[in-house]
Amino acid sequence: MLDTLSAQEWYKVNRFALQLKDFESPVLSLYLPSYEVGEGTKILFEKDIVKGLVGVRNGISLRLAKMRYHAGSLCFFGWSKGEKNIVKHVSISKDVPLLHVIYRKPYLKPLKNILEIGYRVVLITMDHKRAKIEVYSGSELVEEINERIYLRGRHSKGGWSQKRFQQNRDIKIKYFFNKVKKHLAGLEDDNIELILLGGNGLAKKKFHRVMDSKLAKRTKIVDDICFSTPRKEIARLVIATLDKVRKKNELKLLADLATPAKDGLVITRNEEIEKKIKAGTVETLFLAADYYAASSKENTLIRRMIGLAKRKGSTIEFITDATARRRLHKFGNLVALLRY
C-alpha cells in the first residue's frame, strides 16, 4: 500500500479513531483544513448548536485559541457525558474537508477515507483536442496537467482534398497523443496504482491502444466522466474505485500468506517480530486496522516496530477491508512475513 500518510502517522490516526467508542449522543465533529484553522472559532459560533453541546463548543474554542498557528489540519470530536464535556482531537498532515457535523456518533468518514485509500491514481479526461491529467494521492488532488491542440472538426470537400485533410488530422492527433504520453512518462509510474481514462467520444479508446503496455495494464476506461463532470462526482468515483482496488489487493496479499506460513516464514508474536525486524529479515509487516494496543507499553512496542520496519526496508501493509481483516485474524492482528 502506498501511504498517503507516513506509517507512524497512519498508526497514530487509526488508533485515535479506535478510541472514539465511549461516547454519548449527540456528537459534534469539526474538521478544519490548514487554511481554515484560524477561522475555527468563527465557524463554531456561526453554526446552530444543540443545547447539550454548548459546553463542548466552548471547549473546542478554547483549544483552538492555543492552536491558532497550527500548520496541519485538525479534527475535533466532542460530547457531553453527565455533567462533563469531553473533547478529543487529532492533528493530521493532510488537508481534510471543512466540516461541522452534529450527529448521533462521531463522523469519521473523512478520516476513514484517508486511512483506507492510500493509492496513487491518475485520471485522464480527454477528447481529440485536449487532455486533463489529474494525479490523486488517495482522494486528494496533488497535481494537474493540461494539454491542448488546435484541430478542425470536419472538412466540407470530398475526393483527394478530404483524404489529405484526414491524413493531416491523424498526424495531429498522433502528435497530441504523444505529448500526453510524454506527460505520463514524466510521472513516477511505479507509484501509480490505477489510471482512469475518461472523456466524450472515441479519443480515450484510441489513446488506450497506443499507451505504454505497462501503464495500459493499470488503466480502466470510464464512460461517466467528461470535462463537465463536477469535482464532487469525480472525487466520489475515485474513492469508490480505490476502495475496490484496496480490497482486491489486500485479499491477494493475504491469500499469498498460506504457503509461507506452512514453511515457518510467518511470525505472530510481537516480541519475536521485533527481533526479526531488528535482524532485517522481515519482508512485510501486516497490521489489522481494528487492532488496538490495550496498554501504553504495547502501544509503544507497536510504534517502535513500525519505525524499525521502515528503517530496515520492510514493507508495511495496513489491512482495512473487513473481509481481509478476518483472513489476517486467522494468523493474528500483527503478522510478519519473513524474507525467503
C-alpha atoms as a PDB file:
ATOM      1  CA  MET A   1       0.000   0.000   0.000  1.00  0.00           C
ATOM      2  CA  LEU A   2       1.325   3.457  -0.894  1.00  0.00           C
ATOM      3  CA  ASP A   3       0.535   5.532   2.162  1.00  0.00           C
ATOM      4  CA  THR A   4      -0.976   8.980   1.888  1.00  0.00           C
ATOM      5  CA  LEU A   5       0.274   9.229   5.481  1.00  0.00           C
ATOM      6  CA  SER A   6       3.579   8.007   6.845  1.00  0.00           C
ATOM      7  CA  ALA A   7       3.313   4.637   8.581  1.00  0.00           C
ATOM      8  CA  GLN A   8       3.810   6.247  12.001  1.00  0.00           C
ATOM      9  CA  GLU A   9       1.131   8.877  11.381  1.00  0.00           C
ATOM     10  CA  TRP A  10      -1.257   6.274   9.938  1.00  0.00           C
ATOM     11  CA  TYR A  11      -0.957   4.235  13.119  1.00  0.00           C
ATOM     12  CA  LYS A  12      -1.460   7.331  15.322  1.00  0.00           C
ATOM     13  CA  VAL A  13      -4.586   8.495  13.473  1.00  0.00           C
ATOM     14  CA  ASN A  14      -6.062   4.988  13.245  1.00  0.00           C
ATOM     15  CA  ARG A  15      -5.516   4.445  16.976  1.00  0.00           C
ATOM     16  CA  PHE A  16      -7.211   7.774  17.692  1.00  0.00           C
ATOM     17  CA  ALA A  17     -10.246   6.719  15.608  1.00  0.00           C
ATOM     18  CA  LEU A  18     -10.459   3.419  17.512  1.00  0.00           C
ATOM     19  CA  GLN A  19     -10.565   5.354  20.807  1.00  0.00           C
ATOM     20  CA  LEU A  20     -13.785   7.156  19.841  1.00  0.00           C
ATOM     21  CA  LYS A  21     -16.055   4.410  21.157  1.00  0.00           C
ATOM     22  CA  ASP A  22     -17.154   5.507  24.623  1.00  0.00           C
ATOM     23  CA  PHE A  23     -19.292   8.456  23.523  1.00  0.00           C
ATOM     24  CA  GLU A  24     -22.827   9.672  24.172  1.00  0.00           C
ATOM     25  CA  SER A  25     -25.138  11.090  21.507  1.00  0.00           C
ATOM     26  CA  PRO A  26     -25.126  13.734  20.103  1.00  0.00           C
ATOM     27  CA  VAL A  27     -21.522  14.282  18.996  1.00  0.00           C
ATOM     28  CA  LEU A  28     -20.031  17.435  17.471  1.00  0.00           C
ATOM     29  CA  SER A  29     -17.444  16.657  14.772  1.00  0.00           C
ATOM     30  CA  LEU A  30     -15.340  19.525  13.396  1.00  0.00           C
ATOM     31  CA  TYR A  31     -12.808  19.179  10.567  1.00  0.00           C
ATOM     32  CA  LEU A  32     -10.535  22.161   9.883  1.00  0.00           C
ATOM     33  CA  PRO A  33      -8.088  22.090   6.941  1.00  0.00           C
ATOM     34  CA  SER A  34      -4.854  24.018   7.478  1.00  0.00           C
ATOM     35  CA  TYR A  35      -6.089  27.137   5.677  1.00  0.00           C
ATOM     36  CA  GLU A  36      -9.200  27.314   7.899  1.00  0.00           C
ATOM     37  CA  VAL A  37      -7.675  26.661  11.326  1.00  0.00           C
ATOM     38  CA  GLY A  38      -7.534  30.382  12.117  1.00  0.00           C
ATOM     39  CA  GLU A  39     -11.276  30.663  11.370  1.00  0.00           C
ATOM     40  CA  GLY A  40     -12.221  27.677  13.520  1.00  0.00           C
ATOM     41  CA  THR A  41     -13.858  29.627  16.361  1.00  0.00           C
ATOM     42  CA  LYS A  42     -15.837  31.749  13.919  1.00  0.00           C
ATOM     43  CA  ILE A  43     -17.149  28.613  12.189  1.00  0.00           C
ATOM     44  CA  LEU A  44     -18.130  27.078  15.536  1.00  0.00           C
ATOM     45  CA  PHE A  45     -20.242  30.035  16.584  1.00  0.00           C
ATOM     46  CA  GLU A  46     -21.811  30.589  13.153  1.00  0.00           C
ATOM     47  CA  LYS A  47     -23.391  27.132  13.148  1.00  0.00           C
ATOM     48  CA  ASP A  48     -26.502  26.117  15.076  1.00  0.00           C
ATOM     49  CA  ILE A  49     -25.705  24.193  18.235  1.00  0.00           C
ATOM     50  CA  VAL A  50     -27.629  21.612  20.248  1.00  0.00           C
ATOM     51  CA  LYS A  51     -28.287  22.768  23.808  1.00  0.00           C
ATOM     52  CA  GLY A  52     -26.311  19.910  25.370  1.00  0.00           C
ATOM     53  CA  LEU A  53     -23.254  20.708  23.252  1.00  0.00           C
ATOM     54  CA  VAL A  54     -22.765  24.365  24.221  1.00  0.00           C
ATOM     55  CA  GLY A  55     -20.026  23.419  26.696  1.00  0.00           C
ATOM     56  CA  VAL A  56     -18.393  21.176  24.113  1.00  0.00           C
ATOM     57  CA  ARG A  57     -18.359  24.013  21.577  1.00  0.00           C
ATOM     58  CA  ASN A  58     -16.765  26.332  24.133  1.00  0.00           C
ATOM     59  CA  GLY A  59     -14.188  23.683  24.991  1.00  0.00           C
ATOM     60  CA  ILE A  60     -13.185  23.269  21.345  1.00  0.00           C
ATOM     61  CA  SER A  61     -12.987  27.064  21.015  1.00  0.00           C
ATOM     62  CA  LEU A  62     -10.563  27.248  23.953  1.00  0.00           C
ATOM     63  CA  ARG A  63      -8.331  24.584  22.407  1.00  0.00           C
ATOM     64  CA  LEU A  64      -8.369  26.354  19.071  1.00  0.00           C
ATOM     65  CA  ALA A  65      -7.196  29.561  20.710  1.00  0.00           C
ATOM     66  CA  LYS A  66      -3.984  27.723  21.649  1.00  0.00           C
ATOM     67  CA  MET A  67      -3.598  26.253  18.155  1.00  0.00           C
ATOM     68  CA  ARG A  68      -4.112  29.367  16.081  1.00  0.00           C
ATOM     69  CA  TYR A  69      -0.879  28.845  14.174  1.00  0.00           C
ATOM     70  CA  HIS A  70      -1.108  25.066  13.818  1.00  0.00           C
ATOM     71  CA  ALA A  71       0.355  24.017  10.454  1.00  0.00           C
ATOM     72  CA  GLY A  72      -1.657  20.842   9.872  1.00  0.00           C
ATOM     73  CA  SER A  73      -5.355  20.042   9.727  1.00  0.00           C
ATOM     74  CA  LEU A  74      -7.308  19.429  12.914  1.00  0.00           C
ATOM     75  CA  CYS A  75     -10.154  17.013  13.642  1.00  0.00           C
ATOM     76  CA  PHE A  76     -12.248  17.592  16.783  1.00  0.00           C
ATOM     77  CA  PHE A  77     -14.900  15.375  18.366  1.00  0.00           C
ATOM     78  CA  GLY A  78     -16.892  16.346  21.445  1.00  0.00           C
ATOM     79  CA  TRP A  79     -19.875  15.195  23.504  1.00  0.00           C
ATOM     80  CA  SER A  80     -21.365  15.579  26.979  1.00  0.00           C
ATOM     81  CA  LYS A  81     -21.365  12.743  29.479  1.00  0.00           C
ATOM     82  CA  GLY A  82     -23.381  13.623  32.552  1.00  0.00           C
ATOM     83  CA  GLU A  83     -22.057  16.983  33.724  1.00  0.00           C
ATOM     84  CA  LYS A  84     -18.739  16.501  31.932  1.00  0.00           C
ATOM     85  CA  ASN A  85     -17.832  17.860  28.498  1.00  0.00           C
ATOM     86  CA  ILE A  86     -15.431  15.597  26.609  1.00  0.00           C
ATOM     87  CA  VAL A  87     -13.335  16.935  23.717  1.00  0.00           C
ATOM     88  CA  LYS A  88     -10.822  14.867  21.745  1.00  0.00           C
ATOM     89  CA  HIS A  89      -8.766  15.986  18.760  1.00  0.00           C
ATOM     90  CA  VAL A  90      -6.065  14.746  16.408  1.00  0.00           C
ATOM     91  CA  SER A  91      -3.784  16.660  14.059  1.00  0.00           C
ATOM     92  CA  ILE A  92      -3.119  15.290  10.591  1.00  0.00           C
ATOM     93  CA  SER A  93      -0.644  16.336   7.903  1.00  0.00           C
ATOM     94  CA  LYS A  94      -3.178  16.028   5.054  1.00  0.00           C
ATOM     95  CA  ASP A  95      -5.913  18.502   4.206  1.00  0.00           C
ATOM     96  CA  VAL A  96      -9.379  17.420   5.303  1.00  0.00           C
ATOM     97  CA  PRO A  97     -12.663  18.921   4.055  1.00  0.00           C
ATOM     98  CA  LEU A  98     -14.101  21.765   6.128  1.00  0.00           C
ATOM     99  CA  LEU A  99     -16.964  20.130   8.028  1.00  0.00           C
ATOM    100  CA  HIS A 100     -19.139  20.925  11.052  1.00  0.00           C
ATOM    101  CA  VAL A 101     -21.405  17.956  11.805  1.00  0.00           C
ATOM    102  CA  ILE A 102     -23.697  17.207  14.741  1.00  0.00           C
ATOM    103  CA  TYR A 103     -24.720  13.565  14.640  1.00  0.00           C
ATOM    104  CA  ARG A 104     -25.581  10.670  16.924  1.00  0.00           C
ATOM    105  CA  LYS A 105     -21.975   9.405  16.725  1.00  0.00           C
ATOM    106  CA  PRO A 106     -18.535  10.724  15.680  1.00  0.00           C
ATOM    107  CA  TYR A 107     -18.490  11.487  11.953  1.00  0.00           C
ATOM    108  CA  LEU A 108     -15.359   9.586  10.877  1.00  0.00           C
ATOM    109  CA  LYS A 109     -15.847   9.231   7.117  1.00  0.00           C
ATOM    110  CA  PRO A 110     -13.183  11.840   6.113  1.00  0.00           C
ATOM    111  CA  LEU A 111     -10.620  10.184   8.404  1.00  0.00           C
ATOM    112  CA  LYS A 112     -11.502   6.713   7.150  1.00  0.00           C
ATOM    113  CA  ASN A 113     -11.143   7.861   3.547  1.00  0.00           C
ATOM    114  CA  ILE A 114      -7.572   8.941   4.308  1.00  0.00           C
ATOM    115  CA  LEU A 115      -6.790   5.772   6.277  1.00  0.00           C
ATOM    116  CA  GLU A 116      -8.352   3.278   3.881  1.00  0.00           C
ATOM    117  CA  ILE A 117      -7.449   4.746   0.496  1.00  0.00           C
ATOM    118  CA  GLY A 118      -3.694   5.022   0.171  1.00  0.00           C
ATOM    119  CA  TYR A 119      -3.019   4.587  -3.514  1.00  0.00           C
ATOM    120  CA  ARG A 120      -1.807   6.890  -6.269  1.00  0.00           C
ATOM    121  CA  VAL A 121      -4.332   7.352  -9.090  1.00  0.00           C
ATOM    122  CA  VAL A 122      -4.128   9.248 -12.383  1.00  0.00           C
ATOM    123  CA  LEU A 123      -7.334  10.477 -14.006  1.00  0.00           C
ATOM    124  CA  ILE A 124      -7.087  11.420 -17.703  1.00  0.00           C
ATOM    125  CA  THR A 125     -10.061  13.225 -19.226  1.00  0.00           C
ATOM    126  CA  MET A 126      -9.639  13.729 -22.953  1.00  0.00           C
ATOM    127  CA  ASP A 127     -11.040  14.168 -26.443  1.00  0.00           C
ATOM    128  CA  HIS A 128      -9.081  14.662 -29.686  1.00  0.00           C
ATOM    129  CA  LYS A 129      -8.273  18.290 -28.880  1.00  0.00           C
ATOM    130  CA  ARG A 130      -7.492  18.496 -25.191  1.00  0.00           C
ATOM    131  CA  ALA A 131      -6.485  16.412 -22.215  1.00  0.00           C
ATOM    132  CA  LYS A 132      -6.509  16.994 -18.474  1.00  0.00           C
ATOM    133  CA  ILE A 133      -4.259  14.785 -16.352  1.00  0.00           C
ATOM    134  CA  GLU A 134      -5.061  14.790 -12.632  1.00  0.00           C
ATOM    135  CA  VAL A 135      -2.903  12.963 -10.104  1.00  0.00           C
ATOM    136  CA  TYR A 136      -4.550  11.849  -6.861  1.00  0.00           C
ATOM    137  CA  SER A 137      -2.893  10.622  -3.694  1.00  0.00           C
ATOM    138  CA  GLY A 138      -5.810   8.748  -2.183  1.00  0.00           C
ATOM    139  CA  SER A 139      -8.741  11.098  -2.677  1.00  0.00           C
ATOM    140  CA  GLU A 140      -6.542  14.236  -2.593  1.00  0.00           C
ATOM    141  CA  LEU A 141      -5.721  16.014  -5.875  1.00  0.00           C
ATOM    142  CA  VAL A 142      -1.967  16.708  -5.820  1.00  0.00           C
ATOM    143  CA  GLU A 143      -1.140  17.632  -9.429  1.00  0.00           C
ATOM    144  CA  GLU A 144      -2.936  18.748 -12.607  1.00  0.00           C
ATOM    145  CA  ILE A 145      -1.541  18.920 -16.163  1.00  0.00           C
ATOM    146  CA  ASN A 146      -3.388  20.321 -19.181  1.00  0.00           C
ATOM    147  CA  GLU A 147      -2.583  19.770 -22.875  1.00  0.00           C
ATOM    148  CA  ARG A 148      -4.363  21.132 -25.951  1.00  0.00           C
ATOM    149  CA  ILE A 149      -4.002  21.317 -29.757  1.00  0.00           C
ATOM    150  CA  TYR A 150      -5.895  23.097 -32.498  1.00  0.00           C
ATOM    151  CA  LEU A 151      -7.846  20.589 -34.591  1.00  0.00           C
ATOM    152  CA  ARG A 152     -10.504  21.300 -37.187  1.00  0.00           C
ATOM    153  CA  GLY A 153     -13.577  19.169 -36.700  1.00  0.00           C
ATOM    154  CA  ARG A 154     -14.590  18.428 -40.287  1.00  0.00           C
ATOM    155  CA  HIS A 155     -13.908  19.110 -43.966  1.00  0.00           C
ATOM    156  CA  SER A 156     -16.598  20.107 -46.479  1.00  0.00           C
ATOM    157  CA  LYS A 157     -14.851  18.955 -49.657  1.00  0.00           C
ATOM    158  CA  GLY A 158     -14.533  15.388 -50.935  1.00  0.00           C
ATOM    159  CA  GLY A 159     -12.020  13.485 -53.080  1.00  0.00           C
ATOM    160  CA  TRP A 160      -8.285  13.838 -52.555  1.00  0.00           C
ATOM    161  CA  SER A 161      -8.774  17.004 -50.538  1.00  0.00           C
ATOM    162  CA  GLN A 162     -10.789  15.065 -47.973  1.00  0.00           C
ATOM    163  CA  LYS A 163      -8.104  12.350 -47.783  1.00  0.00           C
ATOM    164  CA  ARG A 164      -5.313  14.909 -47.281  1.00  0.00           C
ATOM    165  CA  PHE A 165      -7.393  16.602 -44.584  1.00  0.00           C
ATOM    166  CA  GLN A 166      -7.911  13.289 -42.784  1.00  0.00           C
ATOM    167  CA  GLN A 167      -4.212  12.419 -43.068  1.00  0.00           C
ATOM    168  CA  ASN A 168      -3.222  15.778 -41.577  1.00  0.00           C
ATOM    169  CA  ARG A 169      -5.808  15.339 -38.839  1.00  0.00           C
ATOM    170  CA  ASP A 170      -4.470  11.866 -37.981  1.00  0.00           C
ATOM    171  CA  ILE A 171      -0.917  13.238 -37.811  1.00  0.00           C
ATOM    172  CA  LYS A 172      -2.012  15.996 -35.426  1.00  0.00           C
ATOM    173  CA  ILE A 173      -3.894  13.518 -33.232  1.00  0.00           C
ATOM    174  CA  LYS A 174      -0.842  11.244 -33.121  1.00  0.00           C
ATOM    175  CA  TYR A 175       1.328  14.212 -32.148  1.00  0.00           C
ATOM    176  CA  PHE A 176      -1.199  15.149 -29.460  1.00  0.00           C
ATOM    177  CA  PHE A 177      -1.321  11.606 -28.066  1.00  0.00           C
ATOM    178  CA  ASN A 178       2.485  11.536 -27.927  1.00  0.00           C
ATOM    179  CA  LYS A 179       2.503  14.738 -25.871  1.00  0.00           C
ATOM    180  CA  VAL A 180       0.032  13.213 -23.404  1.00  0.00           C
ATOM    181  CA  LYS A 181       2.148  10.039 -23.241  1.00  0.00           C
ATOM    182  CA  LYS A 182       5.208  12.188 -22.521  1.00  0.00           C
ATOM    183  CA  HIS A 183       3.424  13.804 -19.584  1.00  0.00           C
ATOM    184  CA  LEU A 184       2.522  10.358 -18.242  1.00  0.00           C
ATOM    185  CA  ALA A 185       6.119   9.194 -18.634  1.00  0.00           C
ATOM    186  CA  GLY A 186       7.199  12.152 -16.507  1.00  0.00           C
ATOM    187  CA  LEU A 187       5.202  10.847 -13.560  1.00  0.00           C
ATOM    188  CA  GLU A 188       6.629   8.254 -11.181  1.00  0.00           C
ATOM    189  CA  ASP A 189       4.826   5.375 -12.877  1.00  0.00           C
ATOM    190  CA  ASP A 190       5.964   2.760 -10.357  1.00  0.00           C
ATOM    191  CA  ASN A 191       3.850   4.552  -7.756  1.00  0.00           C
ATOM    192  CA  ILE A 192       0.746   4.687  -9.955  1.00  0.00           C
ATOM    193  CA  GLU A 193      -1.711   2.034  -8.858  1.00  0.00           C
ATOM    194  CA  LEU A 194      -4.502   2.899 -11.292  1.00  0.00           C
ATOM    195  CA  ILE A 195      -5.212   5.100 -14.322  1.00  0.00           C
ATOM    196  CA  LEU A 196      -8.790   6.134 -15.072  1.00  0.00           C
ATOM    197  CA  LEU A 197      -9.350   7.186 -18.693  1.00  0.00           C
ATOM    198  CA  GLY A 198     -12.493   9.155 -19.479  1.00  0.00           C
ATOM    199  CA  GLY A 199     -13.954  11.768 -21.816  1.00  0.00           C
ATOM    200  CA  ASN A 200     -16.532  12.083 -24.567  1.00  0.00           C
ATOM    201  CA  GLY A 201     -16.083  10.337 -27.913  1.00  0.00           C
ATOM    202  CA  LEU A 202     -13.594   7.717 -29.087  1.00  0.00           C
ATOM    203  CA  ALA A 203     -10.364   9.502 -28.137  1.00  0.00           C
ATOM    204  CA  LYS A 204      -9.976   7.633 -24.846  1.00  0.00           C
ATOM    205  CA  LYS A 205     -10.210   4.215 -26.542  1.00  0.00           C
ATOM    206  CA  LYS A 206      -7.791   5.221 -29.296  1.00  0.00           C
ATOM    207  CA  PHE A 207      -5.331   6.553 -26.717  1.00  0.00           C
ATOM    208  CA  HIS A 208      -5.584   3.369 -24.669  1.00  0.00           C
ATOM    209  CA  ARG A 209      -4.471   1.350 -27.698  1.00  0.00           C
ATOM    210  CA  VAL A 210      -1.247   3.381 -28.075  1.00  0.00           C
ATOM    211  CA  MET A 211      -0.354   3.601 -24.374  1.00  0.00           C
ATOM    212  CA  ASP A 212       2.789   2.050 -22.955  1.00  0.00           C
ATOM    213  CA  SER A 213       1.875  -1.582 -22.251  1.00  0.00           C
ATOM    214  CA  LYS A 214       2.971  -1.341 -18.611  1.00  0.00           C
ATOM    215  CA  LEU A 215       0.586   1.569 -17.989  1.00  0.00           C
ATOM    216  CA  ALA A 216      -2.186   0.180 -20.201  1.00  0.00           C
ATOM    217  CA  LYS A 217      -2.479  -2.834 -17.885  1.00  0.00           C
ATOM    218  CA  ARG A 218      -3.262  -0.476 -14.990  1.00  0.00           C
ATOM    219  CA  THR A 219      -5.784   1.573 -16.965  1.00  0.00           C
ATOM    220  CA  LYS A 220      -9.560   1.413 -16.695  1.00  0.00           C
ATOM    221  CA  ILE A 221     -11.772   3.196 -19.250  1.00  0.00           C
ATOM    222  CA  VAL A 222     -14.681   5.012 -17.624  1.00  0.00           C
ATOM    223  CA  ASP A 223     -17.664   6.275 -19.603  1.00  0.00           C
ATOM    224  CA  ASP A 224     -19.253   8.516 -16.974  1.00  0.00           C
ATOM    225  CA  ILE A 225     -16.526  11.181 -16.722  1.00  0.00           C
ATOM    226  CA  CYS A 226     -16.133  14.155 -19.071  1.00  0.00           C
ATOM    227  CA  PHE A 227     -14.786  17.712 -18.806  1.00  0.00           C
ATOM    228  CA  SER A 228     -18.047  18.972 -17.301  1.00  0.00           C
ATOM    229  CA  THR A 229     -18.276  16.320 -14.574  1.00  0.00           C
ATOM    230  CA  PRO A 230     -18.490  18.084 -11.171  1.00  0.00           C
ATOM    231  CA  ARG A 231     -15.472  17.805  -8.892  1.00  0.00           C
ATOM    232  CA  LYS A 232     -17.540  16.096  -6.178  1.00  0.00           C
ATOM    233  CA  GLU A 233     -18.657  13.383  -8.605  1.00  0.00           C
ATOM    234  CA  ILE A 234     -15.058  12.805  -9.736  1.00  0.00           C
ATOM    235  CA  ALA A 235     -13.925  12.523  -6.104  1.00  0.00           C
ATOM    236  CA  ARG A 236     -16.750  10.046  -5.429  1.00  0.00           C
ATOM    237  CA  LEU A 237     -15.700   7.881  -8.378  1.00  0.00           C
ATOM    238  CA  VAL A 238     -12.016   7.977  -7.402  1.00  0.00           C
ATOM    239  CA  ILE A 239     -12.844   6.962  -3.826  1.00  0.00           C
ATOM    240  CA  ALA A 240     -15.193   4.159  -4.938  1.00  0.00           C
ATOM    241  CA  THR A 241     -12.631   2.803  -7.416  1.00  0.00           C
ATOM    242  CA  LEU A 242      -9.802   2.988  -4.887  1.00  0.00           C
ATOM    243  CA  ASP A 243     -11.936   1.136  -2.368  1.00  0.00           C
ATOM    244  CA  LYS A 244     -12.347  -1.751  -4.817  1.00  0.00           C
ATOM    245  CA  VAL A 245      -8.613  -1.732  -5.638  1.00  0.00           C
ATOM    246  CA  ARG A 246      -7.687  -1.731  -1.946  1.00  0.00           C
ATOM    247  CA  LYS A 247      -9.973  -4.662  -1.177  1.00  0.00           C
ATOM    248  CA  LYS A 248      -8.687  -6.677  -4.133  1.00  0.00           C
ATOM    249  CA  ASN A 249      -5.024  -6.021  -3.271  1.00  0.00           C
ATOM    250  CA  GLU A 250      -5.420  -6.764   0.436  1.00  0.00           C
ATOM    251  CA  LEU A 251      -7.190 -10.061  -0.236  1.00  0.00           C
ATOM    252  CA  LYS A 252      -4.473 -11.072  -2.712  1.00  0.00           C
ATOM    253  CA  LEU A 253      -1.699 -10.231  -0.238  1.00  0.00           C
ATOM    254  CA  LEU A 254      -3.290 -12.338   2.476  1.00  0.00           C
ATOM    255  CA  ALA A 255      -4.054 -15.232   0.115  1.00  0.00           C
ATOM    256  CA  ASP A 256      -0.315 -15.402  -0.540  1.00  0.00           C
ATOM    257  CA  LEU A 257       0.430 -15.957   3.187  1.00  0.00           C
ATOM    258  CA  ALA A 258      -0.767 -19.562   3.332  1.00  0.00           C
ATOM    259  CA  THR A 259       2.309 -21.215   1.787  1.00  0.00           C
ATOM    260  CA  PRO A 260       4.945 -19.211   3.742  1.00  0.00           C
ATOM    261  CA  ALA A 261       3.024 -19.970   6.943  1.00  0.00           C
ATOM    262  CA  LYS A 262       3.462 -23.711   6.299  1.00  0.00           C
ATOM    263  CA  ASP A 263       7.183 -23.107   5.793  1.00  0.00           C
ATOM    264  CA  GLY A 264       7.568 -21.274   9.102  1.00  0.00           C
ATOM    265  CA  LEU A 265       8.057 -17.878   7.483  1.00  0.00           C
ATOM    266  CA  VAL A 266       5.113 -16.171   9.215  1.00  0.00           C
ATOM    267  CA  ILE A 267       5.694 -14.788  12.741  1.00  0.00           C
ATOM    268  CA  THR A 268       2.836 -13.666  15.004  1.00  0.00           C
ATOM    269  CA  ARG A 269       4.325 -12.972  18.464  1.00  0.00           C
ATOM    270  CA  ASN A 270       5.148  -9.284  18.948  1.00  0.00           C
ATOM    271  CA  GLU A 271       8.464  -9.781  20.757  1.00  0.00           C
ATOM    272  CA  GLU A 272       9.650 -12.273  18.148  1.00  0.00           C
ATOM    273  CA  ILE A 273       8.547  -9.955  15.335  1.00  0.00           C
ATOM    274  CA  GLU A 274      10.633  -7.128  16.817  1.00  0.00           C
ATOM    275  CA  LYS A 275      13.724  -9.353  16.919  1.00  0.00           C
ATOM    276  CA  LYS A 276      13.252 -10.354  13.276  1.00  0.00           C
ATOM    277  CA  ILE A 277      12.763  -6.714  12.231  1.00  0.00           C
ATOM    278  CA  LYS A 278      15.992  -5.730  14.010  1.00  0.00           C
ATOM    279  CA  ALA A 279      17.765  -8.553  12.174  1.00  0.00           C
ATOM    280  CA  GLY A 280      16.464  -7.220   8.845  1.00  0.00           C
ATOM    281  CA  THR A 281      14.710 -10.473   7.941  1.00  0.00           C
ATOM    282  CA  VAL A 282      11.106  -9.175   7.738  1.00  0.00           C
ATOM    283  CA  GLU A 283       9.809  -8.731   4.198  1.00  0.00           C
ATOM    284  CA  THR A 284       6.302  -7.442   5.063  1.00  0.00           C
ATOM    285  CA  LEU A 285       4.640  -6.338   8.275  1.00  0.00           C
ATOM    286  CA  PHE A 286       0.827  -6.701   8.297  1.00  0.00           C
ATOM    287  CA  LEU A 287      -1.258  -4.767  10.806  1.00  0.00           C
ATOM    288  CA  ALA A 288      -5.050  -5.092  11.140  1.00  0.00           C
ATOM    289  CA  ALA A 289      -6.763  -1.692  11.219  1.00  0.00           C
ATOM    290  CA  ASP A 290      -9.027  -2.839  14.069  1.00  0.00           C
ATOM    291  CA  TYR A 291      -6.051  -3.825  16.254  1.00  0.00           C
ATOM    292  CA  TYR A 292      -5.979  -1.628  19.363  1.00  0.00           C
ATOM    293  CA  ALA A 293      -2.951  -1.880  21.631  1.00  0.00           C
ATOM    294  CA  ALA A 294      -4.560  -2.188  25.066  1.00  0.00           C
ATOM    295  CA  SER A 295      -1.673  -0.839  27.152  1.00  0.00           C
ATOM    296  CA  SER A 296       0.744   2.057  26.730  1.00  0.00           C
ATOM    297  CA  LYS A 297       3.607  -0.468  26.807  1.00  0.00           C
ATOM    298  CA  GLU A 298       2.086  -2.435  23.927  1.00  0.00           C
ATOM    299  CA  ASN A 299       1.350   0.779  22.017  1.00  0.00           C
ATOM    300  CA  THR A 300       4.979   1.890  22.415  1.00  0.00           C
ATOM    301  CA  LEU A 301       6.157  -1.501  21.150  1.00  0.00           C
ATOM    302  CA  ILE A 302       3.960  -1.299  18.025  1.00  0.00           C
ATOM    303  CA  ARG A 303       5.135   2.246  17.249  1.00  0.00           C
ATOM    304  CA  ARG A 304       8.745   1.176  17.737  1.00  0.00           C
ATOM    305  CA  MET A 305       8.317  -1.804  15.393  1.00  0.00           C
ATOM    306  CA  ILE A 306       6.752   0.350  12.679  1.00  0.00           C
ATOM    307  CA  GLY A 307       9.670   2.768  12.853  1.00  0.00           C
ATOM    308  CA  LEU A 308      12.200  -0.089  12.802  1.00  0.00           C
ATOM    309  CA  ALA A 309      10.460  -1.772   9.870  1.00  0.00           C
ATOM    310  CA  LYS A 310      10.696   1.404   7.789  1.00  0.00           C
ATOM    311  CA  ARG A 311      14.395   1.832   8.555  1.00  0.00           C
ATOM    312  CA  LYS A 312      15.119  -1.826   7.776  1.00  0.00           C
ATOM    313  CA  GLY A 313      13.379  -1.679   4.391  1.00  0.00           C
ATOM    314  CA  SER A 314      10.352  -3.801   5.297  1.00  0.00           C
ATOM    315  CA  THR A 315       7.018  -3.143   3.585  1.00  0.00           C
ATOM    316  CA  ILE A 316       4.188  -2.160   5.949  1.00  0.00           C
ATOM    317  CA  GLU A 317       0.646  -3.151   4.994  1.00  0.00           C
ATOM    318  CA  PHE A 318      -2.329  -1.813   6.970  1.00  0.00           C
ATOM    319  CA  ILE A 319      -5.269  -4.150   6.366  1.00  0.00           C
ATOM    320  CA  THR A 320      -8.510  -2.140   6.417  1.00  0.00           C
ATOM    321  CA  ASP A 321     -11.095  -4.162   4.477  1.00  0.00           C
ATOM    322  CA  ALA A 322     -13.397  -6.185   6.764  1.00  0.00           C
ATOM    323  CA  THR A 323     -13.084  -9.436   4.761  1.00  0.00           C
ATOM    324  CA  ALA A 324      -9.313  -9.082   4.522  1.00  0.00           C
ATOM    325  CA  ARG A 325      -9.075  -8.385   8.263  1.00  0.00           C
ATOM    326  CA  ARG A 326     -10.925 -11.606   9.043  1.00  0.00           C
ATOM    327  CA  ARG A 327      -8.358 -13.509   6.974  1.00  0.00           C
ATOM    328  CA  LEU A 328      -5.493 -11.790   8.794  1.00  0.00           C
ATOM    329  CA  HIS A 329      -7.071 -12.532  12.179  1.00  0.00           C
ATOM    330  CA  LYS A 330      -6.612 -16.241  11.473  1.00  0.00           C
ATOM    331  CA  PHE A 331      -2.882 -15.559  11.896  1.00  0.00           C
ATOM    332  CA  GLY A 332      -3.071 -12.620  14.309  1.00  0.00           C
ATOM    333  CA  ASN A 333      -3.536  -8.851  14.489  1.00  0.00           C
ATOM    334  CA  LEU A 334       0.123  -8.135  13.779  1.00  0.00           C
ATOM    335  CA  VAL A 335       1.886 -10.548  11.435  1.00  0.00           C
ATOM    336  CA  ALA A 336       5.377 -10.570   9.937  1.00  0.00           C
ATOM    337  CA  LEU A 337       6.269 -12.327   6.680  1.00  0.00           C
ATOM    338  CA  LEU A 338       9.951 -13.225   6.630  1.00  0.00           C
ATOM    339  CA  ARG A 339      12.243 -12.978   3.630  1.00  0.00           C
ATOM    340  CA  TYR A 340      12.943 -16.264   1.885  1.00  0.00           C
END
